Amino acid sequence: MAEENAVGTLNEHLTGVALRIRQLVDAQSMTVWVDETGAVYAQKPEDASRVPSNWVVGTFSSATTVGDIEIDLRAVLRERARDWIVD
C-alpha cells in the first residue's frame, strides 16, 4: 500500500493515530485499514477497494469522533495481540 497514505502504527499511542485520522475525515470520508505489519493507512473509500477485507478497520466520516476511531483501532490491536500470545 502507498506510503503516503500511512497515518501511524498500532505500536504508537492510538489516541494520536485516531486524531490524525479524524483530521483527514473532516474533508471527506476515509477507509482505514491496518496491514500485516501494524501500519495504519487511510484512503478515500473508492481508492481502498483493493485492500483485503480482513485489514479494514472501518470507513469514517466527519460525524465520527476521535474516541470511536480509537475504540476501533484498539479492537484491531486486541485481535492481533491474540496471535502474539503463546499458550
N, C-alpha and C. Protein backbone atom coordinates (compact mmCIF):
# COMPACT_ATOMS: atom_id res chain seq x y z
N MET A 1 0.84 -1.18 0.00
CA MET A 1 0.00 0.00 0.00
C MET A 1 0.88 1.25 0.00
N ALA A 2 0.34 2.32 -0.47
CA ALA A 2 1.13 3.52 -0.67
C ALA A 2 1.59 4.15 0.64
N GLU A 3 2.87 4.43 0.72
CA GLU A 3 3.47 5.04 1.91
C GLU A 3 2.80 6.36 2.28
N GLU A 4 2.39 7.14 1.29
CA GLU A 4 1.82 8.46 1.56
C GLU A 4 0.46 8.38 2.25
N ASN A 5 -0.15 7.19 2.31
CA ASN A 5 -1.44 7.02 2.97
C ASN A 5 -1.29 6.58 4.41
N ALA A 6 -0.05 6.37 4.87
CA ALA A 6 0.19 5.92 6.24
C ALA A 6 -0.14 7.03 7.23
N VAL A 7 -0.84 6.66 8.31
CA VAL A 7 -1.18 7.64 9.35
C VAL A 7 -0.63 7.25 10.71
N GLY A 8 0.04 6.10 10.79
CA GLY A 8 0.61 5.68 12.06
C GLY A 8 0.77 4.18 12.11
N THR A 9 0.97 3.68 13.33
CA THR A 9 1.08 2.24 13.55
C THR A 9 0.33 1.86 14.81
N LEU A 10 0.06 0.57 14.95
CA LEU A 10 -0.59 0.07 16.17
C LEU A 10 0.35 0.15 17.37
N ASN A 11 1.65 0.36 17.14
CA ASN A 11 2.63 0.48 18.22
C ASN A 11 2.66 1.86 18.84
N GLU A 12 2.03 2.84 18.20
CA GLU A 12 2.01 4.21 18.70
C GLU A 12 0.87 4.38 19.70
N HIS A 13 0.86 5.55 20.34
CA HIS A 13 -0.27 5.92 21.20
C HIS A 13 -1.48 6.06 20.26
N LEU A 14 -2.50 5.24 20.45
CA LEU A 14 -3.61 5.19 19.49
C LEU A 14 -4.46 6.45 19.47
N THR A 15 -4.43 7.22 20.53
CA THR A 15 -5.17 8.49 20.51
C THR A 15 -4.59 9.41 19.44
N GLY A 16 -3.26 9.45 19.33
CA GLY A 16 -2.62 10.28 18.30
C GLY A 16 -2.95 9.82 16.90
N VAL A 17 -2.96 8.52 16.69
CA VAL A 17 -3.33 7.98 15.38
C VAL A 17 -4.79 8.34 15.06
N ALA A 18 -5.66 8.17 16.05
CA ALA A 18 -7.07 8.50 15.86
C ALA A 18 -7.27 9.98 15.56
N LEU A 19 -6.50 10.84 16.20
CA LEU A 19 -6.58 12.28 15.91
C LEU A 19 -6.17 12.59 14.48
N ARG A 20 -5.12 11.94 14.00
CA ARG A 20 -4.69 12.17 12.61
C ARG A 20 -5.78 11.70 11.63
N ILE A 21 -6.38 10.58 11.92
CA ILE A 21 -7.45 10.08 11.06
C ILE A 21 -8.63 11.04 11.11
N ARG A 22 -8.98 11.51 12.30
CA ARG A 22 -10.11 12.43 12.44
C ARG A 22 -9.88 13.71 11.65
N GLN A 23 -8.66 14.20 11.63
CA GLN A 23 -8.36 15.40 10.83
C GLN A 23 -8.58 15.14 9.35
N LEU A 24 -8.26 13.95 8.89
CA LEU A 24 -8.46 13.61 7.48
C LEU A 24 -9.94 13.53 7.13
N VAL A 25 -10.76 13.00 8.04
CA VAL A 25 -12.17 12.81 7.71
C VAL A 25 -12.97 14.10 7.81
N ASP A 26 -12.34 15.19 8.25
CA ASP A 26 -13.02 16.48 8.20
C ASP A 26 -13.33 16.86 6.76
N ALA A 27 -12.44 16.51 5.84
CA ALA A 27 -12.59 16.89 4.44
C ALA A 27 -13.45 15.89 3.66
N GLN A 28 -13.34 14.59 3.99
CA GLN A 28 -14.07 13.56 3.24
C GLN A 28 -14.04 12.25 4.01
N SER A 29 -14.92 11.35 3.69
CA SER A 29 -14.91 10.04 4.32
C SER A 29 -13.63 9.31 3.95
N MET A 30 -13.14 8.51 4.89
CA MET A 30 -11.90 7.76 4.66
C MET A 30 -12.09 6.33 5.16
N THR A 31 -11.54 5.38 4.39
CA THR A 31 -11.48 4.00 4.83
C THR A 31 -10.12 3.80 5.48
N VAL A 32 -10.14 3.19 6.65
CA VAL A 32 -8.92 2.97 7.42
C VAL A 32 -8.66 1.47 7.48
N TRP A 33 -7.38 1.10 7.32
CA TRP A 33 -7.02 -0.31 7.44
C TRP A 33 -5.66 -0.44 8.08
N VAL A 34 -5.39 -1.66 8.57
CA VAL A 34 -4.12 -1.98 9.21
C VAL A 34 -3.52 -3.16 8.47
N ASP A 35 -2.29 -3.01 7.98
CA ASP A 35 -1.66 -4.10 7.23
C ASP A 35 -1.05 -5.14 8.18
N GLU A 36 -0.39 -6.14 7.63
CA GLU A 36 0.14 -7.24 8.43
C GLU A 36 1.28 -6.82 9.35
N THR A 37 1.88 -5.66 9.11
CA THR A 37 2.96 -5.17 9.97
C THR A 37 2.48 -4.24 11.07
N GLY A 38 1.19 -3.91 11.07
CA GLY A 38 0.63 -3.00 12.06
C GLY A 38 0.60 -1.55 11.62
N ALA A 39 0.97 -1.27 10.38
CA ALA A 39 0.89 0.10 9.85
C ALA A 39 -0.57 0.44 9.57
N VAL A 40 -0.96 1.66 9.95
CA VAL A 40 -2.33 2.13 9.78
C VAL A 40 -2.37 3.09 8.59
N TYR A 41 -3.33 2.86 7.71
CA TYR A 41 -3.48 3.66 6.49
C TYR A 41 -4.90 4.23 6.40
N ALA A 42 -5.04 5.35 5.68
CA ALA A 42 -6.34 5.94 5.41
C ALA A 42 -6.37 6.38 3.96
N GLN A 43 -7.50 6.12 3.32
CA GLN A 43 -7.64 6.45 1.91
C GLN A 43 -9.12 6.65 1.61
N LYS A 44 -9.41 7.40 0.55
CA LYS A 44 -10.80 7.55 0.12
C LYS A 44 -11.39 6.17 -0.13
N PRO A 45 -12.64 5.95 0.25
CA PRO A 45 -13.23 4.61 0.10
C PRO A 45 -13.10 4.02 -1.30
N GLU A 46 -13.30 4.82 -2.31
CA GLU A 46 -13.23 4.30 -3.68
C GLU A 46 -11.81 3.89 -4.07
N ASP A 47 -10.82 4.46 -3.41
CA ASP A 47 -9.42 4.11 -3.69
C ASP A 47 -8.93 2.93 -2.85
N ALA A 48 -9.72 2.52 -1.87
CA ALA A 48 -9.32 1.44 -0.97
C ALA A 48 -9.98 0.12 -1.33
N SER A 49 -10.53 0.02 -2.50
CA SER A 49 -11.30 -1.16 -2.89
C SER A 49 -10.44 -2.43 -2.98
N ARG A 50 -9.15 -2.29 -3.15
CA ARG A 50 -8.27 -3.47 -3.29
C ARG A 50 -7.68 -3.92 -1.95
N VAL A 51 -8.00 -3.23 -0.89
CA VAL A 51 -7.48 -3.59 0.43
C VAL A 51 -8.17 -4.88 0.87
N PRO A 52 -7.41 -5.86 1.36
CA PRO A 52 -8.04 -7.10 1.86
C PRO A 52 -9.06 -6.78 2.95
N SER A 53 -10.21 -7.39 2.88
CA SER A 53 -11.30 -7.06 3.81
C SER A 53 -10.92 -7.31 5.27
N ASN A 54 -10.05 -8.28 5.53
CA ASN A 54 -9.66 -8.54 6.91
C ASN A 54 -8.71 -7.49 7.47
N TRP A 55 -8.23 -6.59 6.66
CA TRP A 55 -7.39 -5.48 7.11
C TRP A 55 -8.21 -4.24 7.46
N VAL A 56 -9.44 -4.14 6.97
CA VAL A 56 -10.23 -2.92 7.10
C VAL A 56 -10.71 -2.72 8.54
N VAL A 57 -10.45 -1.53 9.06
CA VAL A 57 -10.93 -1.14 10.38
C VAL A 57 -12.33 -0.55 10.25
N GLY A 58 -12.52 0.29 9.24
CA GLY A 58 -13.82 0.91 9.01
C GLY A 58 -13.71 2.08 8.07
N THR A 59 -14.87 2.62 7.72
CA THR A 59 -14.93 3.84 6.92
C THR A 59 -15.53 4.90 7.82
N PHE A 60 -14.83 6.00 7.97
CA PHE A 60 -15.21 7.04 8.92
C PHE A 60 -15.55 8.33 8.18
N SER A 61 -16.52 9.06 8.74
CA SER A 61 -16.96 10.34 8.17
C SER A 61 -16.72 11.44 9.19
N SER A 62 -17.09 12.65 8.83
CA SER A 62 -16.90 13.79 9.73
C SER A 62 -17.74 13.67 10.99
N ALA A 63 -18.73 12.80 11.00
CA ALA A 63 -19.56 12.60 12.19
C ALA A 63 -18.90 11.66 13.21
N THR A 64 -17.82 11.00 12.81
CA THR A 64 -17.13 10.05 13.68
C THR A 64 -16.24 10.79 14.67
N THR A 65 -16.30 10.37 15.93
CA THR A 65 -15.47 11.01 16.96
C THR A 65 -14.10 10.35 17.03
N VAL A 66 -13.15 11.07 17.61
CA VAL A 66 -11.81 10.52 17.84
C VAL A 66 -11.92 9.28 18.72
N GLY A 67 -12.79 9.34 19.72
CA GLY A 67 -12.97 8.20 20.61
C GLY A 67 -13.46 6.96 19.90
N ASP A 68 -14.39 7.14 18.97
CA ASP A 68 -14.90 5.99 18.20
C ASP A 68 -13.80 5.37 17.33
N ILE A 69 -13.00 6.21 16.72
CA ILE A 69 -11.89 5.71 15.89
C ILE A 69 -10.90 4.96 16.77
N GLU A 70 -10.58 5.54 17.93
CA GLU A 70 -9.63 4.89 18.83
C GLU A 70 -10.17 3.53 19.31
N ILE A 71 -11.44 3.44 19.62
CA ILE A 71 -12.05 2.17 20.04
C ILE A 71 -11.88 1.12 18.95
N ASP A 72 -12.11 1.50 17.70
CA ASP A 72 -11.96 0.55 16.59
C ASP A 72 -10.51 0.12 16.41
N LEU A 73 -9.57 1.06 16.56
CA LEU A 73 -8.15 0.71 16.45
C LEU A 73 -7.74 -0.23 17.59
N ARG A 74 -8.24 0.03 18.79
CA ARG A 74 -7.93 -0.85 19.93
C ARG A 74 -8.48 -2.26 19.72
N ALA A 75 -9.65 -2.36 19.10
CA ALA A 75 -10.23 -3.67 18.82
C ALA A 75 -9.33 -4.46 17.87
N VAL A 76 -8.78 -3.79 16.87
CA VAL A 76 -7.85 -4.45 15.94
C VAL A 76 -6.59 -4.88 16.69
N LEU A 77 -6.07 -3.99 17.53
CA LEU A 77 -4.87 -4.31 18.30
C LEU A 77 -5.11 -5.53 19.19
N ARG A 78 -6.23 -5.58 19.89
CA ARG A 78 -6.55 -6.73 20.74
C ARG A 78 -6.64 -8.01 19.93
N GLU A 79 -7.29 -7.94 18.78
CA GLU A 79 -7.44 -9.12 17.93
C GLU A 79 -6.07 -9.61 17.45
N ARG A 80 -5.24 -8.68 17.02
CA ARG A 80 -3.90 -9.06 16.55
C ARG A 80 -3.05 -9.61 17.69
N ALA A 81 -3.21 -9.05 18.90
CA ALA A 81 -2.41 -9.48 20.05
C ALA A 81 -2.68 -10.94 20.40
N ARG A 82 -3.87 -11.42 20.14
CA ARG A 82 -4.17 -12.83 20.40
C ARG A 82 -3.22 -13.75 19.65
N ASP A 83 -2.83 -13.35 18.46
CA ASP A 83 -1.90 -14.15 17.67
C ASP A 83 -0.49 -14.13 18.24
N TRP A 84 -0.16 -13.13 19.04
CA TRP A 84 1.19 -12.98 19.57
C TRP A 84 1.37 -13.75 20.89
N ILE A 85 0.27 -14.11 21.52
CA ILE A 85 0.33 -14.78 22.82
C ILE A 85 0.48 -16.27 22.62
N VAL A 86 1.50 -16.84 23.25
CA VAL A 86 1.75 -18.27 23.15
C VAL A 86 1.15 -18.95 24.37
N ASP A 87 0.35 -19.98 24.15
CA ASP A 87 -0.25 -20.72 25.28
C ASP A 87 0.70 -21.72 25.83
